[in-house]
Amino acid sequence: MASSVEGLPFAQRGEEYRRLAAEAMADAESAKSPALKVGFLRMASGWHALAMEAELAAEQQASKHKSLAPVDQRDNRKPSAGER
């Protein structure tokens, strides 16, 4: 892989993995041998799976951050006396 995704936020990792999957699909379309085509298709499938995992992690991370925010920041209202 030419670029490292380790330092990227999960959402950007998903985008990069999808780009790599598309690149592998294009390579599969232009592959001269059936074995190469299958190899590129498997690679595309792996990148696609990583993209889905990264996107799920991004959603979970966003959900976690939202649940950790004070109530008045989550739903734009001030907490009542009983919520404090």
C-alpha atoms as a PDB file:
ATOM      1  CA  MET A   1       0.000   0.000   0.000  1.00  0.00           C
ATOM      2  CA  ALA A   2       1.457   3.341  -1.040  1.00  0.00           C
ATOM      3  CA  SER A   3      -0.099   5.412   1.732  1.00  0.00           C
ATOM      4  CA  SER A   4      -0.509   4.662   5.423  1.00  0.00           C
ATOM      5  CA  VAL A   5      -3.983   4.880   6.912  1.00  0.00           C
ATOM      6  CA  GLU A   6      -2.953   4.186  10.501  1.00  0.00           C
ATOM      7  CA  GLY A   7      -2.975   7.849  11.515  1.00  0.00           C
ATOM      8  CA  LEU A   8      -6.260   8.663   9.814  1.00  0.00           C
ATOM      9  CA  PRO A   9      -9.612   8.931  11.617  1.00  0.00           C
ATOM     10  CA  PHE A  10     -11.848   5.909  10.987  1.00  0.00           C
ATOM     11  CA  ALA A  11     -14.121   7.787   8.556  1.00  0.00           C
ATOM     12  CA  GLN A  12     -11.164   8.751   6.386  1.00  0.00           C
ATOM     13  CA  ARG A  13      -9.799   5.224   6.599  1.00  0.00           C
ATOM     14  CA  GLY A  14     -13.073   3.962   5.140  1.00  0.00           C
ATOM     15  CA  GLU A  15     -12.764   6.383   2.235  1.00  0.00           C
ATOM     16  CA  GLU A  16      -9.175   5.306   1.559  1.00  0.00           C
ATOM     17  CA  TYR A  17     -10.077   1.605   1.728  1.00  0.00           C
ATOM     18  CA  ARG A  18     -12.933   2.193  -0.742  1.00  0.00           C
ATOM     19  CA  ARG A  19     -10.523   3.992  -3.073  1.00  0.00           C
ATOM     20  CA  LEU A  20      -8.155   1.024  -2.878  1.00  0.00           C
ATOM     21  CA  ALA A  21     -11.036  -1.379  -3.528  1.00  0.00           C
ATOM     22  CA  ALA A  22     -11.993   0.581  -6.651  1.00  0.00           C
ATOM     23  CA  GLU A  23      -8.373   0.519  -7.796  1.00  0.00           C
ATOM     24  CA  ALA A  24      -8.235  -3.267  -7.343  1.00  0.00           C
ATOM     25  CA  MET A  25     -11.512  -3.624  -9.283  1.00  0.00           C
ATOM     26  CA  ALA A  26     -10.059  -1.595 -12.154  1.00  0.00           C
ATOM     27  CA  ASP A  27      -6.957  -3.795 -12.103  1.00  0.00           C
ATOM     28  CA  ALA A  28      -9.200  -6.877 -12.215  1.00  0.00           C
ATOM     29  CA  GLU A  29     -11.007  -5.549 -15.273  1.00  0.00           C
ATOM     30  CA  SER A  30      -7.744  -5.086 -17.139  1.00  0.00           C
ATOM     31  CA  ALA A  31      -6.088  -8.294 -15.930  1.00  0.00           C
ATOM     32  CA  LYS A  32      -4.825 -10.499 -18.750  1.00  0.00           C
ATOM     33  CA  SER A  33      -5.162 -13.827 -16.960  1.00  0.00           C
ATOM     34  CA  PRO A  34      -8.058 -15.329 -15.025  1.00  0.00           C
ATOM     35  CA  ALA A  35      -5.763 -15.981 -12.037  1.00  0.00           C
ATOM     36  CA  LEU A  36      -4.754 -12.315 -11.856  1.00  0.00           C
ATOM     37  CA  LYS A  37      -8.372 -11.246 -12.204  1.00  0.00           C
ATOM     38  CA  VAL A  38      -9.385 -13.474  -9.286  1.00  0.00           C
ATOM     39  CA  GLY A  39      -6.486 -12.154  -7.214  1.00  0.00           C
ATOM     40  CA  PHE A  40      -7.492  -8.544  -7.811  1.00  0.00           C
ATOM     41  CA  LEU A  41     -11.140  -9.324  -7.074  1.00  0.00           C
ATOM     42  CA  ARG A  42     -10.144 -10.926  -3.768  1.00  0.00           C
ATOM     43  CA  MET A  43      -8.016  -7.898  -2.966  1.00  0.00           C
ATOM     44  CA  ALA A  44     -10.952  -5.593  -3.751  1.00  0.00           C
ATOM     45  CA  SER A  45     -13.175  -7.690  -1.500  1.00  0.00           C
ATOM     46  CA  GLY A  46     -10.661  -7.379   1.342  1.00  0.00           C
ATOM     47  CA  TRP A  47     -10.410  -3.591   0.937  1.00  0.00           C
ATOM     48  CA  HIS A  48     -14.204  -3.373   0.864  1.00  0.00           C
ATOM     49  CA  ALA A  49     -14.446  -5.392   4.107  1.00  0.00           C
ATOM     50  CA  LEU A  50     -11.895  -3.093   5.758  1.00  0.00           C
ATOM     51  CA  ALA A  51     -13.878  -0.058   4.585  1.00  0.00           C
ATOM     52  CA  MET A  52     -17.037  -1.436   6.184  1.00  0.00           C
ATOM     53  CA  GLU A  53     -15.195  -2.129   9.445  1.00  0.00           C
ATOM     54  CA  ALA A  54     -13.679   1.364   9.499  1.00  0.00           C
ATOM     55  CA  GLU A  55     -17.068   2.969   8.824  1.00  0.00           C
ATOM     56  CA  LEU A  56     -18.668   0.935  11.604  1.00  0.00           C
ATOM     57  CA  ALA A  57     -15.861   1.968  13.967  1.00  0.00           C
ATOM     58  CA  ALA A  58     -16.402   5.609  12.969  1.00  0.00           C
ATOM     59  CA  GLU A  59     -20.131   5.315  13.738  1.00  0.00           C
ATOM     60  CA  GLN A  60     -19.435   3.670  17.094  1.00  0.00           C
ATOM     61  CA  GLN A  61     -16.838   6.305  17.947  1.00  0.00           C
ATOM     62  CA  ALA A  62     -19.250   9.124  17.070  1.00  0.00           C
ATOM     63  CA  SER A  63     -21.999   7.473  19.118  1.00  0.00           C
ATOM     64  CA  LYS A  64     -19.643   7.057  22.074  1.00  0.00           C
ATOM     65  CA  HIS A  65     -18.580  10.708  21.951  1.00  0.00           C
ATOM     66  CA  LYS A  66     -22.203  11.830  21.743  1.00  0.00           C
ATOM     67  CA  SER A  67     -23.182   9.741  24.773  1.00  0.00           C
ATOM     68  CA  LEU A  68     -20.276  11.160  26.793  1.00  0.00           C
ATOM     69  CA  ALA A  69     -21.281  14.769  26.138  1.00  0.00           C
ATOM     70  CA  PRO A  70     -23.226  16.573  28.882  1.00  0.00           C
ATOM     71  CA  VAL A  71     -26.987  16.385  28.411  1.00  0.00           C
ATOM     72  CA  ASP A  72     -27.293  20.048  27.472  1.00  0.00           C
ATOM     73  CA  GLN A  73     -24.825  19.515  24.603  1.00  0.00           C
ATOM     74  CA  ARG A  74     -26.537  16.377  23.310  1.00  0.00           C
ATOM     75  CA  ASP A  75     -29.997  17.778  22.802  1.00  0.00           C
ATOM     76  CA  ASN A  76     -29.474  21.548  23.068  1.00  0.00           C
ATOM     77  CA  ARG A  77     -31.445  22.003  26.274  1.00  0.00           C
ATOM     78  CA  LYS A  78     -30.464  22.782  29.812  1.00  0.00           C
ATOM     79  CA  PRO A  79     -30.674  19.914  32.264  1.00  0.00           C
ATOM     80  CA  SER A  80     -33.506  20.128  34.737  1.00  0.00           C
ATOM     81  CA  ALA A  81     -32.830  20.123  38.481  1.00  0.00           C
ATOM     82  CA  GLY A  82     -33.416  16.351  38.589  1.00  0.00           C
ATOM     83  CA  GLU A  83     -30.898  15.682  35.804  1.00  0.00           C
ATOM     84  CA  ARG A  84     -27.971  17.513  37.387  1.00  0.00           C
END
